[in-house]
N, C-alpha and C. Protein backbone atom coordinates (compact mmCIF):
# COMPACT_ATOMS: atom_id res chain seq x y z
N MET A 1 -41.32 14.67 -5.37
CA MET A 1 -40.02 15.30 -5.58
C MET A 1 -40.02 15.92 -6.97
N SER A 2 -39.59 17.16 -7.04
CA SER A 2 -39.58 17.86 -8.33
C SER A 2 -38.40 17.39 -9.18
N PHE A 3 -38.46 17.74 -10.46
CA PHE A 3 -37.37 17.39 -11.38
C PHE A 3 -36.05 17.98 -10.88
N LYS A 4 -36.11 19.22 -10.42
CA LYS A 4 -34.90 19.90 -9.95
C LYS A 4 -34.32 19.15 -8.74
N GLN A 5 -35.15 18.74 -7.79
CA GLN A 5 -34.68 18.02 -6.62
C GLN A 5 -34.09 16.66 -7.01
N THR A 6 -34.76 15.98 -7.93
CA THR A 6 -34.27 14.69 -8.40
C THR A 6 -32.92 14.84 -9.09
N PHE A 7 -32.82 15.84 -9.95
CA PHE A 7 -31.57 16.11 -10.66
C PHE A 7 -30.44 16.40 -9.68
N LEU A 8 -30.72 17.27 -8.70
CA LEU A 8 -29.69 17.62 -7.72
C LEU A 8 -29.29 16.41 -6.88
N SER A 9 -30.23 15.55 -6.57
CA SER A 9 -29.93 14.32 -5.82
C SER A 9 -29.01 13.42 -6.61
N ILE A 10 -29.30 13.28 -7.90
CA ILE A 10 -28.46 12.43 -8.76
C ILE A 10 -27.06 13.01 -8.87
N VAL A 11 -26.95 14.32 -9.03
CA VAL A 11 -25.64 14.97 -9.10
C VAL A 11 -24.88 14.77 -7.80
N PHE A 12 -25.57 14.93 -6.68
CA PHE A 12 -24.93 14.75 -5.38
C PHE A 12 -24.40 13.32 -5.23
N ILE A 13 -25.20 12.33 -5.59
CA ILE A 13 -24.77 10.92 -5.51
C ILE A 13 -23.57 10.69 -6.42
N PHE A 14 -23.62 11.20 -7.64
CA PHE A 14 -22.52 11.04 -8.58
C PHE A 14 -21.24 11.64 -8.03
N LEU A 15 -21.33 12.84 -7.48
CA LEU A 15 -20.13 13.49 -6.94
C LEU A 15 -19.56 12.70 -5.76
N ASN A 16 -20.41 12.16 -4.92
CA ASN A 16 -19.92 11.36 -3.80
C ASN A 16 -19.26 10.08 -4.28
N VAL A 17 -19.83 9.42 -5.26
CA VAL A 17 -19.23 8.20 -5.81
C VAL A 17 -17.90 8.53 -6.46
N PHE A 18 -17.85 9.60 -7.26
CA PHE A 18 -16.62 10.00 -7.93
C PHE A 18 -15.55 10.37 -6.92
N ASN A 19 -15.93 11.14 -5.90
CA ASN A 19 -14.98 11.54 -4.88
C ASN A 19 -14.46 10.33 -4.12
N GLY A 20 -15.31 9.36 -3.85
CA GLY A 20 -14.89 8.14 -3.15
C GLY A 20 -13.91 7.34 -3.97
N ALA A 21 -14.06 7.33 -5.28
CA ALA A 21 -13.15 6.57 -6.14
C ALA A 21 -11.75 7.14 -6.09
N ALA A 22 -11.63 8.44 -5.86
CA ALA A 22 -10.32 9.07 -5.79
C ALA A 22 -9.79 9.12 -4.36
N HIS A 23 -10.54 8.56 -3.44
CA HIS A 23 -10.18 8.58 -2.03
C HIS A 23 -9.62 7.22 -1.65
N ALA A 24 -8.37 7.18 -1.29
CA ALA A 24 -7.71 5.91 -1.02
C ALA A 24 -8.38 5.15 0.12
N GLU A 25 -8.66 3.90 -0.13
CA GLU A 25 -9.21 3.02 0.89
C GLU A 25 -8.04 2.48 1.70
N LEU A 26 -8.08 2.66 3.01
CA LEU A 26 -7.03 2.17 3.89
C LEU A 26 -7.62 1.07 4.77
N SER A 27 -7.16 -0.14 4.57
CA SER A 27 -7.59 -1.23 5.43
C SER A 27 -6.81 -1.15 6.73
N PRO A 28 -7.47 -1.36 7.85
CA PRO A 28 -6.77 -1.29 9.14
C PRO A 28 -5.85 -2.49 9.35
N PHE A 29 -4.58 -2.23 9.54
CA PHE A 29 -3.59 -3.29 9.76
C PHE A 29 -3.45 -3.51 11.26
N VAL A 30 -3.96 -4.66 11.70
CA VAL A 30 -3.90 -5.06 13.11
C VAL A 30 -3.25 -6.44 13.18
N PHE A 31 -3.06 -6.93 14.40
CA PHE A 31 -2.49 -8.25 14.54
C PHE A 31 -3.37 -9.25 13.80
N GLY A 32 -2.79 -10.04 12.92
CA GLY A 32 -3.53 -10.99 12.10
C GLY A 32 -3.69 -10.53 10.66
N SER A 33 -3.51 -9.25 10.40
CA SER A 33 -3.66 -8.73 9.03
C SER A 33 -2.60 -9.28 8.09
N TYR A 34 -1.39 -9.46 8.60
CA TYR A 34 -0.32 -9.99 7.75
C TYR A 34 -0.70 -11.37 7.23
N GLN A 35 -1.21 -12.22 8.10
CA GLN A 35 -1.63 -13.56 7.68
C GLN A 35 -2.80 -13.47 6.69
N GLN A 36 -3.65 -12.50 6.89
CA GLN A 36 -4.77 -12.27 5.97
C GLN A 36 -4.25 -11.91 4.58
N ILE A 37 -3.24 -11.06 4.52
CA ILE A 37 -2.64 -10.66 3.23
C ILE A 37 -2.03 -11.88 2.54
N LEU A 38 -1.30 -12.69 3.30
CA LEU A 38 -0.69 -13.89 2.73
C LEU A 38 -1.76 -14.84 2.18
N ALA A 39 -2.81 -15.06 2.96
CA ALA A 39 -3.88 -15.97 2.53
C ALA A 39 -4.59 -15.45 1.28
N ALA A 40 -4.83 -14.15 1.22
CA ALA A 40 -5.53 -13.56 0.08
C ALA A 40 -4.70 -13.60 -1.20
N ASN A 41 -3.39 -13.77 -1.05
CA ASN A 41 -2.49 -13.79 -2.21
C ASN A 41 -1.80 -15.13 -2.38
N ALA A 42 -2.45 -16.18 -1.94
CA ALA A 42 -1.88 -17.53 -2.06
C ALA A 42 -1.54 -17.83 -3.51
N ASN A 43 -0.37 -18.41 -3.70
CA ASN A 43 0.12 -18.81 -5.04
C ASN A 43 0.26 -17.63 -6.00
N ARG A 44 0.48 -16.46 -5.45
CA ARG A 44 0.61 -15.26 -6.28
C ARG A 44 1.80 -14.44 -5.80
N PRO A 45 2.69 -14.06 -6.72
CA PRO A 45 3.79 -13.19 -6.31
C PRO A 45 3.25 -11.77 -6.02
N PHE A 46 3.88 -11.11 -5.07
CA PHE A 46 3.50 -9.73 -4.78
C PHE A 46 4.63 -9.01 -4.05
N MET A 47 4.45 -7.71 -3.94
CA MET A 47 5.42 -6.86 -3.27
C MET A 47 4.69 -6.11 -2.16
N LEU A 48 5.24 -6.15 -0.95
CA LEU A 48 4.70 -5.42 0.19
C LEU A 48 5.66 -4.28 0.51
N VAL A 49 5.16 -3.05 0.39
CA VAL A 49 5.98 -1.87 0.63
C VAL A 49 5.53 -1.23 1.94
N ILE A 50 6.42 -1.16 2.91
CA ILE A 50 6.11 -0.54 4.20
C ILE A 50 6.78 0.83 4.22
N TRP A 51 5.98 1.85 4.49
CA TRP A 51 6.45 3.23 4.38
C TRP A 51 5.80 4.08 5.46
N SER A 52 6.21 5.35 5.51
CA SER A 52 5.64 6.28 6.48
C SER A 52 5.67 7.69 5.93
N ILE A 53 4.71 8.50 6.36
CA ILE A 53 4.69 9.90 5.96
C ILE A 53 5.85 10.67 6.56
N ASN A 54 6.46 10.15 7.62
CA ASN A 54 7.58 10.80 8.31
C ASN A 54 8.94 10.29 7.85
N CYS A 55 8.96 9.56 6.76
CA CYS A 55 10.19 8.95 6.25
C CYS A 55 10.54 9.61 4.91
N PRO A 56 11.51 10.54 4.89
CA PRO A 56 11.88 11.21 3.64
C PRO A 56 12.26 10.24 2.52
N SER A 57 12.98 9.16 2.87
CA SER A 57 13.36 8.19 1.85
C SER A 57 12.14 7.49 1.27
N CYS A 58 11.15 7.23 2.11
CA CYS A 58 9.91 6.60 1.64
C CYS A 58 9.21 7.50 0.63
N LEU A 59 9.11 8.77 0.97
CA LEU A 59 8.42 9.72 0.09
C LEU A 59 9.18 9.90 -1.21
N GLN A 60 10.51 9.84 -1.14
CA GLN A 60 11.35 9.94 -2.33
C GLN A 60 11.06 8.77 -3.27
N ASP A 61 10.70 7.63 -2.72
CA ASP A 61 10.45 6.40 -3.47
C ASP A 61 9.08 6.37 -4.16
N MET A 62 8.17 7.22 -3.73
CA MET A 62 6.77 7.14 -4.20
C MET A 62 6.62 7.31 -5.71
N GLU A 63 7.35 8.22 -6.30
CA GLU A 63 7.22 8.43 -7.74
C GLU A 63 7.66 7.18 -8.51
N LEU A 64 8.75 6.57 -8.08
CA LEU A 64 9.22 5.34 -8.73
C LEU A 64 8.18 4.22 -8.56
N LEU A 65 7.62 4.09 -7.37
CA LEU A 65 6.58 3.07 -7.13
C LEU A 65 5.37 3.32 -8.03
N SER A 66 5.01 4.58 -8.20
CA SER A 66 3.90 4.93 -9.07
C SER A 66 4.20 4.52 -10.52
N ASN A 67 5.41 4.79 -10.97
CA ASN A 67 5.80 4.41 -12.33
C ASN A 67 5.82 2.88 -12.50
N ILE A 68 6.27 2.18 -11.48
CA ILE A 68 6.27 0.71 -11.53
C ILE A 68 4.84 0.20 -11.62
N HIS A 69 3.97 0.78 -10.81
CA HIS A 69 2.55 0.38 -10.81
C HIS A 69 1.94 0.57 -12.20
N LYS A 70 2.25 1.67 -12.85
CA LYS A 70 1.70 1.95 -14.18
C LYS A 70 2.31 1.03 -15.25
N SER A 71 3.60 0.76 -15.13
CA SER A 71 4.27 -0.02 -16.17
C SER A 71 4.16 -1.54 -15.97
N LYS A 72 3.85 -1.98 -14.76
CA LYS A 72 3.73 -3.42 -14.46
C LYS A 72 2.41 -3.68 -13.74
N PRO A 73 1.30 -3.46 -14.42
CA PRO A 73 0.00 -3.65 -13.75
C PRO A 73 -0.25 -5.10 -13.32
N GLU A 74 0.49 -6.03 -13.91
CA GLU A 74 0.32 -7.45 -13.53
C GLU A 74 0.96 -7.76 -12.18
N LEU A 75 1.82 -6.88 -11.68
CA LEU A 75 2.48 -7.10 -10.40
C LEU A 75 1.60 -6.56 -9.28
N LYS A 76 1.29 -7.42 -8.34
CA LYS A 76 0.49 -7.01 -7.19
C LYS A 76 1.38 -6.23 -6.23
N ILE A 77 1.00 -4.99 -5.97
CA ILE A 77 1.71 -4.14 -5.02
C ILE A 77 0.76 -3.86 -3.86
N ILE A 78 1.24 -4.08 -2.65
CA ILE A 78 0.47 -3.78 -1.46
C ILE A 78 1.28 -2.76 -0.66
N MET A 79 0.64 -1.66 -0.30
CA MET A 79 1.29 -0.61 0.46
C MET A 79 0.80 -0.69 1.91
N LEU A 80 1.74 -0.52 2.86
CA LEU A 80 1.40 -0.50 4.28
C LEU A 80 2.02 0.74 4.91
N ALA A 81 1.17 1.66 5.33
CA ALA A 81 1.64 2.87 6.01
C ALA A 81 1.84 2.57 7.49
N ALA A 82 3.05 2.76 7.97
CA ALA A 82 3.41 2.47 9.36
C ALA A 82 3.31 3.74 10.20
N ASP A 83 2.17 4.40 10.11
CA ASP A 83 1.95 5.66 10.82
C ASP A 83 0.85 5.50 11.86
N GLU A 84 0.76 6.48 12.73
CA GLU A 84 -0.32 6.51 13.71
C GLU A 84 -1.65 6.57 12.97
N PRO A 85 -2.70 5.98 13.51
CA PRO A 85 -4.02 6.05 12.87
C PRO A 85 -4.49 7.48 12.61
N SER A 86 -4.05 8.43 13.42
CA SER A 86 -4.47 9.82 13.25
C SER A 86 -3.89 10.45 11.97
N ALA A 87 -2.93 9.80 11.34
CA ALA A 87 -2.30 10.33 10.13
C ALA A 87 -2.97 9.83 8.85
N SER A 88 -4.11 9.17 8.97
CA SER A 88 -4.71 8.52 7.80
C SER A 88 -5.03 9.50 6.67
N GLU A 89 -5.42 10.71 6.98
CA GLU A 89 -5.73 11.66 5.90
C GLU A 89 -4.45 12.06 5.16
N GLN A 90 -3.35 12.24 5.88
CA GLN A 90 -2.07 12.55 5.22
C GLN A 90 -1.62 11.37 4.36
N VAL A 91 -1.82 10.17 4.85
CA VAL A 91 -1.48 8.96 4.08
C VAL A 91 -2.28 8.97 2.78
N ARG A 92 -3.57 9.22 2.87
CA ARG A 92 -4.44 9.25 1.68
C ARG A 92 -3.98 10.31 0.68
N GLN A 93 -3.61 11.48 1.18
CA GLN A 93 -3.15 12.56 0.29
C GLN A 93 -1.91 12.15 -0.49
N ILE A 94 -0.98 11.49 0.17
CA ILE A 94 0.25 11.06 -0.50
C ILE A 94 -0.07 9.99 -1.54
N LEU A 95 -0.91 9.03 -1.17
CA LEU A 95 -1.29 7.99 -2.12
C LEU A 95 -1.99 8.58 -3.34
N LYS A 96 -2.83 9.55 -3.10
CA LYS A 96 -3.54 10.21 -4.21
C LYS A 96 -2.54 10.99 -5.09
N LYS A 97 -1.66 11.73 -4.46
CA LYS A 97 -0.67 12.53 -5.19
C LYS A 97 0.15 11.67 -6.15
N TYR A 98 0.52 10.47 -5.69
CA TYR A 98 1.36 9.59 -6.51
C TYR A 98 0.56 8.53 -7.25
N GLN A 99 -0.74 8.69 -7.29
CA GLN A 99 -1.65 7.80 -8.03
C GLN A 99 -1.47 6.34 -7.60
N LEU A 100 -1.39 6.14 -6.29
CA LEU A 100 -1.29 4.81 -5.73
C LEU A 100 -2.53 4.45 -4.91
N PHE A 101 -3.59 5.21 -5.10
CA PHE A 101 -4.81 5.01 -4.33
C PHE A 101 -5.65 3.86 -4.85
N ASP A 102 -5.35 3.36 -6.05
CA ASP A 102 -6.17 2.29 -6.62
C ASP A 102 -5.58 0.90 -6.39
N ILE A 103 -4.51 0.81 -5.60
CA ILE A 103 -3.96 -0.50 -5.25
C ILE A 103 -4.36 -0.81 -3.81
N GLU A 104 -3.98 -1.97 -3.33
CA GLU A 104 -4.33 -2.37 -1.96
C GLU A 104 -3.48 -1.58 -0.97
N ASN A 105 -4.15 -0.86 -0.10
CA ASN A 105 -3.47 -0.02 0.88
C ASN A 105 -3.93 -0.37 2.29
N TRP A 106 -2.96 -0.49 3.17
CA TRP A 106 -3.20 -0.78 4.58
C TRP A 106 -2.53 0.30 5.41
N ALA A 107 -2.98 0.47 6.63
CA ALA A 107 -2.36 1.43 7.56
C ALA A 107 -2.44 0.86 8.97
N TYR A 108 -1.36 1.03 9.71
CA TYR A 108 -1.34 0.57 11.10
C TYR A 108 -2.58 1.08 11.83
N ALA A 109 -3.23 0.19 12.55
CA ALA A 109 -4.41 0.57 13.32
C ALA A 109 -4.31 0.03 14.74
N ASP A 110 -3.10 -0.25 15.17
CA ASP A 110 -2.86 -0.79 16.51
C ASP A 110 -1.73 0.04 17.11
N GLU A 111 -1.90 0.43 18.35
CA GLU A 111 -0.87 1.24 19.03
C GLU A 111 0.43 0.46 19.23
N ASN A 112 0.34 -0.85 19.32
CA ASN A 112 1.52 -1.67 19.56
C ASN A 112 2.20 -2.00 18.23
N THR A 113 2.96 -1.04 17.72
CA THR A 113 3.60 -1.21 16.41
C THR A 113 4.66 -2.30 16.43
N GLN A 114 5.32 -2.50 17.57
CA GLN A 114 6.35 -3.55 17.65
C GLN A 114 5.72 -4.93 17.45
N LYS A 115 4.53 -5.11 17.95
CA LYS A 115 3.82 -6.38 17.78
C LYS A 115 3.50 -6.60 16.30
N LEU A 116 3.10 -5.53 15.61
CA LEU A 116 2.80 -5.63 14.17
C LEU A 116 4.06 -5.94 13.39
N GLN A 117 5.15 -5.23 13.70
CA GLN A 117 6.43 -5.46 13.03
C GLN A 117 6.90 -6.89 13.24
N PHE A 118 6.77 -7.39 14.45
CA PHE A 118 7.23 -8.74 14.76
C PHE A 118 6.43 -9.77 13.99
N GLU A 119 5.11 -9.52 13.83
CA GLU A 119 4.29 -10.46 13.07
C GLU A 119 4.76 -10.53 11.61
N ILE A 120 5.12 -9.38 11.06
CA ILE A 120 5.58 -9.35 9.68
C ILE A 120 6.93 -10.04 9.56
N ASP A 121 7.85 -9.67 10.45
CA ASP A 121 9.22 -10.21 10.35
C ASP A 121 9.93 -10.03 11.69
N PRO A 122 10.14 -11.11 12.43
CA PRO A 122 10.82 -11.00 13.72
C PRO A 122 12.23 -10.43 13.64
N LYS A 123 12.83 -10.46 12.44
CA LYS A 123 14.20 -9.94 12.27
C LYS A 123 14.21 -8.48 11.81
N TRP A 124 13.03 -7.89 11.66
CA TRP A 124 12.94 -6.50 11.22
C TRP A 124 12.77 -5.60 12.44
N TYR A 125 13.55 -4.54 12.50
CA TYR A 125 13.54 -3.65 13.67
C TYR A 125 12.83 -2.33 13.41
N GLY A 126 12.11 -2.23 12.31
CA GLY A 126 11.29 -1.05 12.07
C GLY A 126 11.89 -0.01 11.14
N GLU A 127 13.08 -0.26 10.60
CA GLU A 127 13.68 0.72 9.68
C GLU A 127 12.82 0.82 8.41
N LEU A 128 12.73 2.03 7.88
CA LEU A 128 11.90 2.31 6.70
C LEU A 128 12.71 3.05 5.65
N PRO A 129 12.34 2.91 4.40
CA PRO A 129 11.33 2.01 3.87
C PRO A 129 11.79 0.56 3.96
N ARG A 130 10.81 -0.33 3.99
CA ARG A 130 11.08 -1.77 4.03
C ARG A 130 10.20 -2.41 2.96
N THR A 131 10.80 -3.18 2.07
CA THR A 131 10.06 -3.79 0.98
C THR A 131 10.29 -5.29 1.02
N TYR A 132 9.19 -6.03 0.91
CA TYR A 132 9.25 -7.48 0.86
C TYR A 132 8.78 -7.93 -0.52
N PHE A 133 9.55 -8.80 -1.11
CA PHE A 133 9.22 -9.38 -2.41
C PHE A 133 8.87 -10.84 -2.17
N PHE A 134 7.66 -11.24 -2.55
CA PHE A 134 7.18 -12.61 -2.36
C PHE A 134 7.04 -13.28 -3.71
N ASP A 135 7.63 -14.47 -3.86
CA ASP A 135 7.37 -15.24 -5.08
C ASP A 135 6.05 -15.99 -4.88
N LYS A 136 5.63 -16.78 -5.87
CA LYS A 136 4.31 -17.42 -5.76
C LYS A 136 4.25 -18.47 -4.65
N ALA A 137 5.40 -18.98 -4.21
CA ALA A 137 5.43 -19.91 -3.08
C ALA A 137 5.56 -19.17 -1.75
N HIS A 138 5.56 -17.86 -1.83
CA HIS A 138 5.69 -16.94 -0.69
C HIS A 138 7.03 -17.03 0.02
N GLN A 139 8.06 -17.44 -0.75
CA GLN A 139 9.43 -17.26 -0.27
C GLN A 139 9.68 -15.77 -0.40
N ARG A 140 10.13 -15.14 0.65
CA ARG A 140 10.23 -13.69 0.61
C ARG A 140 11.66 -13.21 0.80
N THR A 141 11.89 -12.03 0.25
CA THR A 141 13.14 -11.32 0.43
C THR A 141 12.79 -9.94 0.96
N GLY A 142 13.34 -9.57 2.10
CA GLY A 142 13.10 -8.25 2.68
C GLY A 142 14.29 -7.35 2.45
N VAL A 143 14.00 -6.11 2.04
CA VAL A 143 15.07 -5.15 1.78
C VAL A 143 14.72 -3.84 2.48
N SER A 144 15.67 -3.33 3.26
CA SER A 144 15.49 -2.02 3.91
C SER A 144 16.20 -0.96 3.10
N GLY A 145 15.61 0.22 3.05
CA GLY A 145 16.22 1.35 2.36
C GLY A 145 15.62 1.58 0.99
N VAL A 146 16.08 2.66 0.37
CA VAL A 146 15.58 3.05 -0.94
C VAL A 146 16.16 2.11 -2.00
N LEU A 147 15.32 1.71 -2.93
CA LEU A 147 15.74 0.84 -4.02
C LEU A 147 15.75 1.62 -5.33
N SER A 148 16.66 1.26 -6.20
CA SER A 148 16.71 1.89 -7.52
C SER A 148 15.77 1.13 -8.46
N LYS A 149 15.55 1.70 -9.61
CA LYS A 149 14.74 1.02 -10.63
C LYS A 149 15.35 -0.34 -10.97
N GLU A 150 16.67 -0.38 -11.07
CA GLU A 150 17.37 -1.62 -11.38
C GLU A 150 17.20 -2.65 -10.27
N ASP A 151 17.24 -2.20 -9.01
CA ASP A 151 17.01 -3.11 -7.88
C ASP A 151 15.64 -3.76 -7.99
N TYR A 152 14.63 -2.94 -8.27
CA TYR A 152 13.27 -3.46 -8.42
C TYR A 152 13.21 -4.47 -9.56
N GLN A 153 13.81 -4.12 -10.69
CA GLN A 153 13.77 -5.01 -11.85
C GLN A 153 14.41 -6.36 -11.53
N GLN A 154 15.53 -6.35 -10.82
CA GLN A 154 16.18 -7.60 -10.44
C GLN A 154 15.28 -8.44 -9.53
N MET A 155 14.62 -7.79 -8.59
CA MET A 155 13.73 -8.51 -7.67
C MET A 155 12.50 -9.03 -8.41
N PHE A 156 11.97 -8.26 -9.34
CA PHE A 156 10.80 -8.71 -10.10
C PHE A 156 11.16 -9.94 -10.93
N ALA A 157 12.35 -9.93 -11.53
CA ALA A 157 12.78 -11.08 -12.34
C ALA A 157 12.84 -12.32 -11.46
N LYS A 158 13.22 -12.14 -10.22
CA LYS A 158 13.35 -13.25 -9.28
C LYS A 158 11.97 -13.81 -8.86
N ILE A 159 11.01 -12.91 -8.57
CA ILE A 159 9.72 -13.38 -8.03
C ILE A 159 8.69 -13.70 -9.11
N LEU A 160 8.88 -13.18 -10.33
CA LEU A 160 7.87 -13.38 -11.37
C LEU A 160 8.20 -14.55 -12.30
N LYS A 161 9.27 -15.32 -12.01
CA LYS A 161 9.60 -16.42 -12.92
C LYS A 161 8.68 -17.60 -12.74
């Protein structure tokens, strides 16, 4: 292999690695994933944000979530896109736009969305956005609708004590 070929190979690998870092990883959310999330975050407070590309209120919330992520890096934020699997590229674009691609991201990967919703919360009927705040004992508070900065701050004070 010539120097030129080696150099171009290295550049190609670098560009692929760099591009992958900016490409949001979406874990497939299927039945059992919710329990997996809980187990992976045992004894740790976190926030689960359920959103959709087809939810104007959800998209309105993205900038605030991005600011929270930057200002409170100690707070674990998990995003769950409640969209069809075919929308994964649109989901990635939104996460990238709002610089939320470097946190834990999940996306529905099962056609039976009601089964997924029921696993998360039998009392939740699918309204979006839906945010769950978990304290370290995993006592949770679920809130539907858009939250203000003050709402988030109040919930963080509750779960981070």
